[in-house]
Amino acid sequence: MSAKDVAPTEEAVPAAAAEAVIVSKPANFVEEAVGKRVSVKLAHGSEYRGLLACMDGLMNITMQDTEEYRGGLLRKRYGDAFLRGNNATDQHETTQKKSQAPGSS
């Protein structure tokens, strides 16, 4: 596989690894993550966890059932939250369930 055989929107992968590597686009992550729990870390250190409702082309993020963490500790719960994409440093899907309120089962 040569670089000229790769479509302009795909990343080139060395020929030896081409069959073993699946190149994923950020848009694919977003499409697959909508409706799932995600974690978003912001530049100032806070982390927000919740259900990804949508994300636009500027990486602005709308979340539902959102929780704010600082230093790994739950600080606050929000219903819906809007995070500006220029503040996000890391976004990933998480398998963690929503935190339980202290003293609840």
PDB file of N, CA and C in Angstrom:
ATOM      1  N   MET A   1       0.854  -1.171   0.000  1.00  0.00           N
ATOM      2  CA  MET A   1       0.000   0.000   0.000  1.00  0.00           C
ATOM      3  C   MET A   1       0.897   1.230   0.000  1.00  0.00           C
ATOM      4  N   SER A   2       0.705   2.118  -0.937  1.00  0.00           N
ATOM      5  CA  SER A   2       1.503   3.329  -0.996  1.00  0.00           C
ATOM      6  C   SER A   2       0.659   4.503  -0.541  1.00  0.00           C
ATOM      7  N   ALA A   3       1.323   5.621  -0.261  1.00  0.00           N
ATOM      8  CA  ALA A   3       0.623   6.805   0.222  1.00  0.00           C
ATOM      9  C   ALA A   3      -0.402   7.288  -0.790  1.00  0.00           C
ATOM     10  N   LYS A   4      -0.128   7.105  -2.095  1.00  0.00           N
ATOM     11  CA  LYS A   4      -1.075   7.578  -3.097  1.00  0.00           C
ATOM     12  C   LYS A   4      -2.324   6.701  -3.181  1.00  0.00           C
ATOM     13  N   ASP A   5      -2.287   5.480  -2.582  1.00  0.00           N
ATOM     14  CA  ASP A   5      -3.447   4.594  -2.567  1.00  0.00           C
ATOM     15  C   ASP A   5      -4.411   4.898  -1.425  1.00  0.00           C
ATOM     16  N   VAL A   6      -4.015   5.787  -0.516  1.00  0.00           N
ATOM     17  CA  VAL A   6      -4.816   6.100   0.651  1.00  0.00           C
ATOM     18  C   VAL A   6      -5.709   7.291   0.344  1.00  0.00           C
ATOM     19  N   ALA A   7      -6.968   7.186   0.696  1.00  0.00           N
ATOM     20  CA  ALA A   7      -7.897   8.297   0.485  1.00  0.00           C
ATOM     21  C   ALA A   7      -7.435   9.502   1.290  1.00  0.00           C
ATOM     22  N   PRO A   8      -7.672  10.721   0.842  1.00  0.00           N
ATOM     23  CA  PRO A   8      -7.188  11.919   1.511  1.00  0.00           C
ATOM     24  C   PRO A   8      -7.642  12.065   2.956  1.00  0.00           C
ATOM     25  N   THR A   9      -8.777  11.490   3.333  1.00  0.00           N
ATOM     26  CA  THR A   9      -9.276  11.631   4.700  1.00  0.00           C
ATOM     27  C   THR A   9      -8.771  10.538   5.632  1.00  0.00           C
ATOM     28  N   GLU A  10      -8.025   9.575   5.139  1.00  0.00           N
ATOM     29  CA  GLU A  10      -7.508   8.496   5.977  1.00  0.00           C
ATOM     30  C   GLU A  10      -6.029   8.715   6.259  1.00  0.00           C
ATOM     31  N   GLU A  11      -5.554   8.146   7.352  1.00  0.00           N
ATOM     32  CA  GLU A  11      -4.142   8.218   7.680  1.00  0.00           C
ATOM     33  C   GLU A  11      -3.417   7.067   7.003  1.00  0.00           C
ATOM     34  N   ALA A  12      -2.175   7.335   6.561  1.00  0.00           N
ATOM     35  CA  ALA A  12      -1.370   6.284   5.954  1.00  0.00           C
ATOM     36  C   ALA A  12      -0.848   5.360   7.047  1.00  0.00           C
ATOM     37  N   VAL A  13      -0.870   4.066   6.807  1.00  0.00           N
ATOM     38  CA  VAL A  13      -0.386   3.060   7.741  1.00  0.00           C
ATOM     39  C   VAL A  13       0.682   2.266   7.022  1.00  0.00           C
ATOM     40  N   PRO A  14       1.839   2.012   7.677  1.00  0.00           N
ATOM     41  CA  PRO A  14       2.879   1.225   7.022  1.00  0.00           C
ATOM     42  C   PRO A  14       2.314  -0.088   6.485  1.00  0.00           C
ATOM     43  N   ALA A  15       2.807  -0.520   5.317  1.00  0.00           N
ATOM     44  CA  ALA A  15       2.278  -1.710   4.644  1.00  0.00           C
ATOM     45  C   ALA A  15       2.295  -2.945   5.536  1.00  0.00           C
ATOM     46  N   ALA A  16       3.360  -3.129   6.330  1.00  0.00           N
ATOM     47  CA  ALA A  16       3.470  -4.318   7.177  1.00  0.00           C
ATOM     48  C   ALA A  16       2.369  -4.363   8.232  1.00  0.00           C
ATOM     49  N   ALA A  17       1.896  -3.189   8.664  1.00  0.00           N
ATOM     50  CA  ALA A  17       0.896  -3.153   9.723  1.00  0.00           C
ATOM     51  C   ALA A  17      -0.501  -2.869   9.191  1.00  0.00           C
ATOM     52  N   ALA A  18      -0.630  -2.629   7.899  1.00  0.00           N
ATOM     53  CA  ALA A  18      -1.908  -2.203   7.326  1.00  0.00           C
ATOM     54  C   ALA A  18      -3.046  -3.166   7.623  1.00  0.00           C
ATOM     55  N   GLU A  19      -2.793  -4.455   7.604  1.00  0.00           N
ATOM     56  CA  GLU A  19      -3.869  -5.414   7.826  1.00  0.00           C
ATOM     57  C   GLU A  19      -4.231  -5.550   9.295  1.00  0.00           C
ATOM     58  N   ALA A  20      -3.309  -5.220  10.202  1.00  0.00           N
ATOM     59  CA  ALA A  20      -3.548  -5.402  11.624  1.00  0.00           C
ATOM     60  C   ALA A  20      -4.085  -4.147  12.306  1.00  0.00           C
ATOM     61  N   VAL A  21      -4.001  -2.996  11.648  1.00  0.00           N
ATOM     62  CA  VAL A  21      -4.382  -1.731  12.269  1.00  0.00           C
ATOM     63  C   VAL A  21      -5.648  -1.191  11.618  1.00  0.00           C
ATOM     64  N   ILE A  22      -6.586  -0.779  12.454  1.00  0.00           N
ATOM     65  CA  ILE A  22      -7.781  -0.121  11.963  1.00  0.00           C
ATOM     66  C   ILE A  22      -7.659   1.343  12.350  1.00  0.00           C
ATOM     67  N   VAL A  23      -7.630   2.225  11.362  1.00  0.00           N
ATOM     68  CA  VAL A  23      -7.501   3.648  11.625  1.00  0.00           C
ATOM     69  C   VAL A  23      -8.887   4.200  11.921  1.00  0.00           C
ATOM     70  N   SER A  24      -9.013   4.855  13.068  1.00  0.00           N
ATOM     71  CA  SER A  24     -10.300   5.392  13.486  1.00  0.00           C
ATOM     72  C   SER A  24     -10.247   6.910  13.442  1.00  0.00           C
ATOM     73  N   LYS A  25     -11.282   7.508  12.930  1.00  0.00           N
ATOM     74  CA  LYS A  25     -11.378   8.959  12.864  1.00  0.00           C
ATOM     75  C   LYS A  25     -12.073   9.457  14.121  1.00  0.00           C
ATOM     76  N   PRO A  26     -11.754  10.670  14.565  1.00  0.00           N
ATOM     77  CA  PRO A  26     -12.441  11.218  15.750  1.00  0.00           C
ATOM     78  C   PRO A  26     -13.955  11.220  15.600  1.00  0.00           C
ATOM     79  N   ALA A  27     -14.443  11.472  14.390  1.00  0.00           N
ATOM     80  CA  ALA A  27     -15.896  11.488  14.180  1.00  0.00           C
ATOM     81  C   ALA A  27     -16.507  10.123  14.487  1.00  0.00           C
ATOM     82  N   ASN A  28     -15.769   9.042  14.205  1.00  0.00           N
ATOM     83  CA  ASN A  28     -16.272   7.698  14.507  1.00  0.00           C
ATOM     84  C   ASN A  28     -16.428   7.511  16.007  1.00  0.00           C
ATOM     85  N   PHE A  29     -15.458   8.009  16.790  1.00  0.00           N
ATOM     86  CA  PHE A  29     -15.529   7.909  18.246  1.00  0.00           C
ATOM     87  C   PHE A  29     -16.785   8.608  18.745  1.00  0.00           C
ATOM     88  N   VAL A  30     -17.029   9.811  18.239  1.00  0.00           N
ATOM     89  CA  VAL A  30     -18.172  10.592  18.687  1.00  0.00           C
ATOM     90  C   VAL A  30     -19.473   9.877  18.358  1.00  0.00           C
ATOM     91  N   GLU A  31     -19.594   9.384  17.137  1.00  0.00           N
ATOM     92  CA  GLU A  31     -20.809   8.684  16.737  1.00  0.00           C
ATOM     93  C   GLU A  31     -21.069   7.478  17.626  1.00  0.00           C
ATOM     94  N   GLU A  32     -20.026   6.733  17.951  1.00  0.00           N
ATOM     95  CA  GLU A  32     -20.170   5.530  18.771  1.00  0.00           C
ATOM     96  C   GLU A  32     -20.386   5.851  20.242  1.00  0.00           C
ATOM     97  N   ALA A  33     -19.905   7.009  20.705  1.00  0.00           N
ATOM     98  CA  ALA A  33     -19.975   7.353  22.121  1.00  0.00           C
ATOM     99  C   ALA A  33     -21.261   8.076  22.521  1.00  0.00           C
ATOM    100  N   VAL A  34     -22.016   8.612  21.577  1.00  0.00           N
ATOM    101  CA  VAL A  34     -23.254   9.319  21.911  1.00  0.00           C
ATOM    102  C   VAL A  34     -24.188   8.360  22.651  1.00  0.00           C
ATOM    103  N   GLY A  35     -24.667   8.826  23.802  1.00  0.00           N
ATOM    104  CA  GLY A  35     -25.556   8.008  24.626  1.00  0.00           C
ATOM    105  C   GLY A  35     -24.824   7.128  25.622  1.00  0.00           C
ATOM    106  N   LYS A  36     -23.496   7.134  25.570  1.00  0.00           N
ATOM    107  CA  LYS A  36     -22.696   6.336  26.510  1.00  0.00           C
ATOM    108  C   LYS A  36     -22.018   7.262  27.517  1.00  0.00           C
ATOM    109  N   ARG A  37     -21.554   6.658  28.617  1.00  0.00           N
ATOM    110  CA  ARG A  37     -20.852   7.436  29.638  1.00  0.00           C
ATOM    111  C   ARG A  37     -19.452   7.758  29.139  1.00  0.00           C
ATOM    112  N   VAL A  38     -19.075   9.032  29.284  1.00  0.00           N
ATOM    113  CA  VAL A  38     -17.756   9.484  28.881  1.00  0.00           C
ATOM    114  C   VAL A  38     -17.131  10.300  29.999  1.00  0.00           C
ATOM    115  N   SER A  39     -15.833  10.460  29.908  1.00  0.00           N
ATOM    116  CA  SER A  39     -15.074  11.287  30.834  1.00  0.00           C
ATOM    117  C   SER A  39     -14.358  12.342  30.008  1.00  0.00           C
ATOM    118  N   VAL A  40     -14.459  13.612  30.430  1.00  0.00           N
ATOM    119  CA  VAL A  40     -13.815  14.717  29.731  1.00  0.00           C
ATOM    120  C   VAL A  40     -12.981  15.483  30.738  1.00  0.00           C
ATOM    121  N   LYS A  41     -11.678  15.582  30.474  1.00  0.00           N
ATOM    122  CA  LYS A  41     -10.786  16.355  31.345  1.00  0.00           C
ATOM    123  C   LYS A  41     -10.559  17.720  30.723  1.00  0.00           C
ATOM    124  N   LEU A  42     -10.612  18.754  31.577  1.00  0.00           N
ATOM    125  CA  LEU A  42     -10.410  20.116  31.113  1.00  0.00           C
ATOM    126  C   LEU A  42      -9.012  20.601  31.466  1.00  0.00           C
ATOM    127  N   ALA A  43      -8.590  21.663  30.801  1.00  0.00           N
ATOM    128  CA  ALA A  43      -7.241  22.202  30.962  1.00  0.00           C
ATOM    129  C   ALA A  43      -6.938  22.591  32.412  1.00  0.00           C
ATOM    130  N   HIS A  44      -7.922  23.061  33.164  1.00  0.00           N
ATOM    131  CA  HIS A  44      -7.667  23.490  34.542  1.00  0.00           C
ATOM    132  C   HIS A  44      -7.676  22.332  35.542  1.00  0.00           C
ATOM    133  N   GLY A  45      -7.882  21.105  35.067  1.00  0.00           N
ATOM    134  CA  GLY A  45      -7.752  19.938  35.931  1.00  0.00           C
ATOM    135  C   GLY A  45      -9.039  19.250  36.326  1.00  0.00           C
ATOM    136  N   SER A  46     -10.173  19.880  36.119  1.00  0.00           N
ATOM    137  CA  SER A  46     -11.448  19.226  36.453  1.00  0.00           C
ATOM    138  C   SER A  46     -11.749  18.128  35.445  1.00  0.00           C
ATOM    139  N   GLU A  47     -12.495  17.145  35.913  1.00  0.00           N
ATOM    140  CA  GLU A  47     -12.934  16.057  35.052  1.00  0.00           C
ATOM    141  C   GLU A  47     -14.453  15.975  35.158  1.00  0.00           C
ATOM    142  N   TYR A  48     -15.114  15.844  34.031  1.00  0.00           N
ATOM    143  CA  TYR A  48     -16.566  15.737  33.995  1.00  0.00           C
ATOM    144  C   TYR A  48     -16.932  14.377  33.442  1.00  0.00           C
ATOM    145  N   ARG A  49     -17.842  13.690  34.135  1.00  0.00           N
ATOM    146  CA  ARG A  49     -18.298  12.370  33.711  1.00  0.00           C
ATOM    147  C   ARG A  49     -19.805  12.412  33.541  1.00  0.00           C
ATOM    148  N   GLY A  50     -20.281  11.842  32.454  1.00  0.00           N
ATOM    149  CA  GLY A  50     -21.715  11.815  32.219  1.00  0.00           C
ATOM    150  C   GLY A  50     -22.034  11.169  30.887  1.00  0.00           C
ATOM    151  N   LEU A  51     -23.304  11.264  30.498  1.00  0.00           N
ATOM    152  CA  LEU A  51     -23.748  10.709  29.221  1.00  0.00           C
ATOM    153  C   LEU A  51     -23.503  11.732  28.124  1.00  0.00           C
ATOM    154  N   LEU A  52     -22.811  11.322  27.080  1.00  0.00           N
ATOM    155  CA  LEU A  52     -22.555  12.218  25.961  1.00  0.00           C
ATOM    156  C   LEU A  52     -23.849  12.393  25.173  1.00  0.00           C
ATOM    157  N   ALA A  53     -24.351  13.621  25.126  1.00  0.00           N
ATOM    158  CA  ALA A  53     -25.576  13.915  24.375  1.00  0.00           C
ATOM    159  C   ALA A  53     -25.221  14.277  22.938  1.00  0.00           C
ATOM    160  N   CYS A  54     -24.223  15.138  22.757  1.00  0.00           N
ATOM    161  CA  CYS A  54     -23.778  15.496  21.411  1.00  0.00           C
ATOM    162  C   CYS A  54     -22.450  16.249  21.479  1.00  0.00           C
ATOM    163  N   MET A  55     -21.811  16.338  20.326  1.00  0.00           N
ATOM    164  CA  MET A  55     -20.559  17.073  20.189  1.00  0.00           C
ATOM    165  C   MET A  55     -20.568  17.695  18.802  1.00  0.00           C
ATOM    166  N   ASP A  56     -20.134  18.952  18.698  1.00  0.00           N
ATOM    167  CA  ASP A  56     -20.146  19.602  17.397  1.00  0.00           C
ATOM    168  C   ASP A  56     -18.748  19.614  16.780  1.00  0.00           C
ATOM    169  N   GLY A  57     -18.624  20.255  15.627  1.00  0.00           N
ATOM    170  CA  GLY A  57     -17.361  20.299  14.907  1.00  0.00           C
ATOM    171  C   GLY A  57     -16.251  21.043  15.628  1.00  0.00           C
ATOM    172  N   LEU A  58     -16.590  21.875  16.602  1.00  0.00           N
ATOM    173  CA  LEU A  58     -15.586  22.591  17.403  1.00  0.00           C
ATOM    174  C   LEU A  58     -15.259  21.838  18.682  1.00  0.00           C
ATOM    175  N   MET A  59     -15.779  20.612  18.784  1.00  0.00           N
ATOM    176  CA  MET A  59     -15.577  19.739  19.942  1.00  0.00           C
ATOM    177  C   MET A  59     -16.272  20.263  21.194  1.00  0.00           C
ATOM    178  N   ASN A  60     -17.271  21.161  21.033  1.00  0.00           N
ATOM    179  CA  ASN A  60     -18.109  21.553  22.164  1.00  0.00           C
ATOM    180  C   ASN A  60     -18.945  20.331  22.541  1.00  0.00           C
ATOM    181  N   ILE A  61     -19.091  20.112  23.833  1.00  0.00           N
ATOM    182  CA  ILE A  61     -19.683  18.870  24.322  1.00  0.00           C
ATOM    183  C   ILE A  61     -20.918  19.161  25.172  1.00  0.00           C
ATOM    184  N   THR A  62     -21.999  18.458  24.908  1.00  0.00           N
ATOM    185  CA  THR A  62     -23.193  18.519  25.743  1.00  0.00           C
ATOM    186  C   THR A  62     -23.332  17.168  26.424  1.00  0.00           C
ATOM    187  N   MET A  63     -23.473  17.205  27.765  1.00  0.00           N
ATOM    188  CA  MET A  63     -23.568  15.980  28.554  1.00  0.00           C
ATOM    189  C   MET A  63     -24.820  16.017  29.418  1.00  0.00           C
ATOM    190  N   GLN A  64     -25.312  14.842  29.771  1.00  0.00           N
ATOM    191  CA  GLN A  64     -26.442  14.692  30.685  1.00  0.00           C
ATOM    192  C   GLN A  64     -25.971  13.930  31.922  1.00  0.00           C
ATOM    193  N   ASP A  65     -26.684  14.097  33.035  1.00  0.00           N
ATOM    194  CA  ASP A  65     -26.322  13.428  34.305  1.00  0.00           C
ATOM    195  C   ASP A  65     -24.835  13.605  34.592  1.00  0.00           C
ATOM    196  N   THR A  66     -24.389  14.834  34.569  1.00  0.00           N
ATOM    197  CA  THR A  66     -22.959  15.153  34.648  1.00  0.00           C
ATOM    198  C   THR A  66     -22.484  15.297  36.087  1.00  0.00           C
ATOM    199  N   GLU A  67     -21.296  14.779  36.345  1.00  0.00           N
ATOM    200  CA  GLU A  67     -20.642  14.898  37.655  1.00  0.00           C
ATOM    201  C   GLU A  67     -19.286  15.547  37.452  1.00  0.00           C
ATOM    202  N   GLU A  68     -18.930  16.461  38.362  1.00  0.00           N
ATOM    203  CA  GLU A  68     -17.629  17.136  38.305  1.00  0.00           C
ATOM    204  C   GLU A  68     -16.696  16.533  39.356  1.00  0.00           C
ATOM    205  N   TYR A  69     -15.501  16.167  38.930  1.00  0.00           N
ATOM    206  CA  TYR A  69     -14.481  15.612  39.825  1.00  0.00           C
ATOM    207  C   TYR A  69     -13.251  16.504  39.802  1.00  0.00           C
ATOM    208  N   ARG A  70     -12.634  16.676  40.968  1.00  0.00           N
ATOM    209  CA  ARG A  70     -11.338  17.347  41.072  1.00  0.00           C
ATOM    210  C   ARG A  70     -10.470  16.515  41.997  1.00  0.00           C
ATOM    211  N   GLY A  71      -9.295  16.179  41.503  1.00  0.00           N
ATOM    212  CA  GLY A  71      -8.407  15.331  42.300  1.00  0.00           C
ATOM    213  C   GLY A  71      -9.007  13.967  42.563  1.00  0.00           C
ATOM    214  N   GLY A  72      -9.871  13.502  41.673  1.00  0.00           N
ATOM    215  CA  GLY A  72     -10.497  12.192  41.824  1.00  0.00           C
ATOM    216  C   GLY A  72     -11.694  12.171  42.752  1.00  0.00           C
ATOM    217  N   LEU A  73     -12.020  13.322  43.363  1.00  0.00           N
ATOM    218  CA  LEU A  73     -13.145  13.387  44.301  1.00  0.00           C
ATOM    219  C   LEU A  73     -14.348  14.061  43.658  1.00  0.00           C
ATOM    220  N   LEU A  74     -15.522  13.492  43.892  1.00  0.00           N
ATOM    221  CA  LEU A  74     -16.757  14.069  43.381  1.00  0.00           C
ATOM    222  C   LEU A  74     -16.993  15.411  44.064  1.00  0.00           C
ATOM    223  N   ARG A  75     -17.136  16.474  43.272  1.00  0.00           N
ATOM    224  CA  ARG A  75     -17.348  17.816  43.820  1.00  0.00           C
ATOM    225  C   ARG A  75     -18.778  18.305  43.664  1.00  0.00           C
ATOM    226  N   LYS A  76     -19.383  18.017  42.505  1.00  0.00           N
ATOM    227  CA  LYS A  76     -20.718  18.548  42.256  1.00  0.00           C
ATOM    228  C   LYS A  76     -21.420  17.729  41.187  1.00  0.00           C
ATOM    229  N   ARG A  77     -22.754  17.713  41.254  1.00  0.00           N
ATOM    230  CA  ARG A  77     -23.567  17.044  40.237  1.00  0.00           C
ATOM    231  C   ARG A  77     -24.366  18.099  39.491  1.00  0.00           C
ATOM    232  N   TYR A  78     -24.462  17.913  38.192  1.00  0.00           N
ATOM    233  CA  TYR A  78     -25.245  18.796  37.336  1.00  0.00           C
ATOM    234  C   TYR A  78     -26.245  17.930  36.580  1.00  0.00           C
ATOM    235  N   GLY A  79     -27.317  18.516  36.145  1.00  0.00           N
ATOM    236  CA  GLY A  79     -28.219  17.799  35.249  1.00  0.00           C
ATOM    237  C   GLY A  79     -27.556  17.745  33.881  1.00  0.00           C
ATOM    238  N   ASP A  80     -27.755  18.812  33.131  1.00  0.00           N
ATOM    239  CA  ASP A  80     -27.127  18.935  31.821  1.00  0.00           C
ATOM    240  C   ASP A  80     -25.937  19.878  31.940  1.00  0.00           C
ATOM    241  N   ALA A  81     -24.925  19.637  31.109  1.00  0.00           N
ATOM    242  CA  ALA A  81     -23.743  20.503  31.128  1.00  0.00           C
ATOM    243  C   ALA A  81     -23.268  20.721  29.700  1.00  0.00           C
ATOM    244  N   PHE A  82     -22.729  21.904  29.465  1.00  0.00           N
ATOM    245  CA  PHE A  82     -22.141  22.251  28.178  1.00  0.00           C
ATOM    246  C   PHE A  82     -20.683  22.595  28.433  1.00  0.00           C
ATOM    247  N   LEU A  83     -19.780  21.878  27.784  1.00  0.00           N
ATOM    248  CA  LEU A  83     -18.344  22.117  27.944  1.00  0.00           C
ATOM    249  C   LEU A  83     -17.788  22.650  26.635  1.00  0.00           C
ATOM    250  N   ARG A  84     -17.072  23.756  26.713  1.00  0.00           N
ATOM    251  CA  ARG A  84     -16.475  24.323  25.507  1.00  0.00           C
ATOM    252  C   ARG A  84     -15.297  23.467  25.067  1.00  0.00           C
ATOM    253  N   GLY A  85     -15.264  23.163  23.798  1.00  0.00           N
ATOM    254  CA  GLY A  85     -14.247  22.272  23.256  1.00  0.00           C
ATOM    255  C   GLY A  85     -12.831  22.771  23.404  1.00  0.00           C
ATOM    256  N   ASN A  86     -12.616  24.087  23.417  1.00  0.00           N
ATOM    257  CA  ASN A  86     -11.248  24.601  23.521  1.00  0.00           C
ATOM    258  C   ASN A  86     -10.664  24.402  24.909  1.00  0.00           C
ATOM    259  N   ASN A  87     -11.471  24.005  25.891  1.00  0.00           N
ATOM    260  CA  ASN A  87     -10.979  23.730  27.242  1.00  0.00           C
ATOM    261  C   ASN A  87     -10.677  22.254  27.479  1.00  0.00           C
ATOM    262  N   ALA A  88     -11.181  21.380  26.611  1.00  0.00           N
ATOM    263  CA  ALA A  88     -11.024  19.936  26.807  1.00  0.00           C
ATOM    264  C   ALA A  88      -9.636  19.481  26.386  1.00  0.00           C
ATOM    265  N   THR A  89      -9.008  18.664  27.228  1.00  0.00           N
ATOM    266  CA  THR A  89      -7.688  18.115  26.907  1.00  0.00           C
ATOM    267  C   THR A  89      -7.743  16.617  26.649  1.00  0.00           C
ATOM    268  N   ASP A  90      -8.767  15.936  27.164  1.00  0.00           N
ATOM    269  CA  ASP A  90      -8.861  14.486  27.011  1.00  0.00           C
ATOM    270  C   ASP A  90     -10.324  14.079  27.072  1.00  0.00           C
ATOM    271  N   GLN A  91     -10.723  13.208  26.159  1.00  0.00           N
ATOM    272  CA  GLN A  91     -12.097  12.710  26.136  1.00  0.00           C
ATOM    273  C   GLN A  91     -12.043  11.222  25.857  1.00  0.00           C
ATOM    274  N   HIS A  92     -12.723  10.442  26.669  1.00  0.00           N
ATOM    275  CA  HIS A  92     -12.770   9.008  26.402  1.00  0.00           C
ATOM    276  C   HIS A  92     -14.034   8.395  26.988  1.00  0.00           C
ATOM    277  N   GLU A  93     -14.393   7.264  26.404  1.00  0.00           N
ATOM    278  CA  GLU A  93     -15.543   6.518  26.896  1.00  0.00           C
ATOM    279  C   GLU A  93     -15.126   5.826  28.183  1.00  0.00           C
ATOM    280  N   THR A  94     -16.048   5.711  29.109  1.00  0.00           N
ATOM    281  CA  THR A  94     -15.735   5.082  30.383  1.00  0.00           C
ATOM    282  C   THR A  94     -16.751   3.992  30.685  1.00  0.00           C
ATOM    283  N   THR A  95     -16.347   3.008  31.448  1.00  0.00           N
ATOM    284  CA  THR A  95     -17.254   1.932  31.840  1.00  0.00           C
ATOM    285  C   THR A  95     -17.790   2.173  33.240  1.00  0.00           C
ATOM    286  N   GLN A  96     -17.315   3.257  33.898  1.00  0.00           N
ATOM    287  CA  GLN A  96     -17.780   3.544  35.248  1.00  0.00           C
ATOM    288  C   GLN A  96     -19.231   3.967  35.226  1.00  0.00           C
ATOM    289  N   LYS A  97     -19.958   3.505  36.205  1.00  0.00           N
ATOM    290  CA  LYS A  97     -21.353   3.903  36.347  1.00  0.00           C
ATOM    291  C   LYS A  97     -21.407   5.191  37.138  1.00  0.00           C
ATOM    292  N   LYS A  98     -22.550   5.834  37.120  1.00  0.00           N
ATOM    293  CA  LYS A  98     -22.752   7.067  37.870  1.00  0.00           C
ATOM    294  C   LYS A  98     -22.482   6.819  39.338  1.00  0.00           C
ATOM    295  N   SER A  99     -21.824   7.774  39.996  1.00  0.00           N
ATOM    296  CA  SER A  99     -21.486   7.631  41.412  1.00  0.00           C
ATOM    297  C   SER A  99     -22.741   7.638  42.273  1.00  0.00           C
ATOM    298  N   GLN A 100     -22.678   6.919  43.358  1.00  0.00           N
ATOM    299  CA  GLN A 100     -23.768   6.900  44.327  1.00  0.00           C
ATOM    300  C   GLN A 100     -23.570   8.041  45.305  1.00  0.00           C
ATOM    301  N   ALA A 101     -24.640   8.655  45.723  1.00  0.00           N
ATOM    302  CA  ALA A 101     -24.562   9.700  46.736  1.00  0.00           C
ATOM    303  C   ALA A 101     -24.089   9.069  48.043  1.00  0.00           C
ATOM    304  N   PRO A 102     -23.275   9.792  48.817  1.00  0.00           N
ATOM    305  CA  PRO A 102     -22.827   9.255  50.094  1.00  0.00           C
ATOM    306  C   PRO A 102     -24.007   8.826  50.954  1.00  0.00           C
ATOM    307  N   GLY A 103     -23.933   7.637  51.499  1.00  0.00           N
ATOM    308  CA  GLY A 103     -24.964   7.119  52.388  1.00  0.00           C
ATOM    309  C   GLY A 103     -26.095   6.411  51.678  1.00  0.00           C
ATOM    310  N   SER A 104     -26.057   6.386  50.323  1.00  0.00           N
ATOM    311  CA  SER A 104     -27.114   5.656  49.600  1.00  0.00           C
ATOM    312  C   SER A 104     -26.607   4.317  49.147  1.00  0.00           C
ATOM    313  N   SER A 105     -27.513   3.384  48.888  1.00  0.00           N
ATOM    314  CA  SER A 105     -27.116   2.036  48.453  1.00  0.00           C
ATOM    315  C   SER A 105     -27.577   1.770  47.051  1.00  0.00           C
TER     316      SER A 105
END
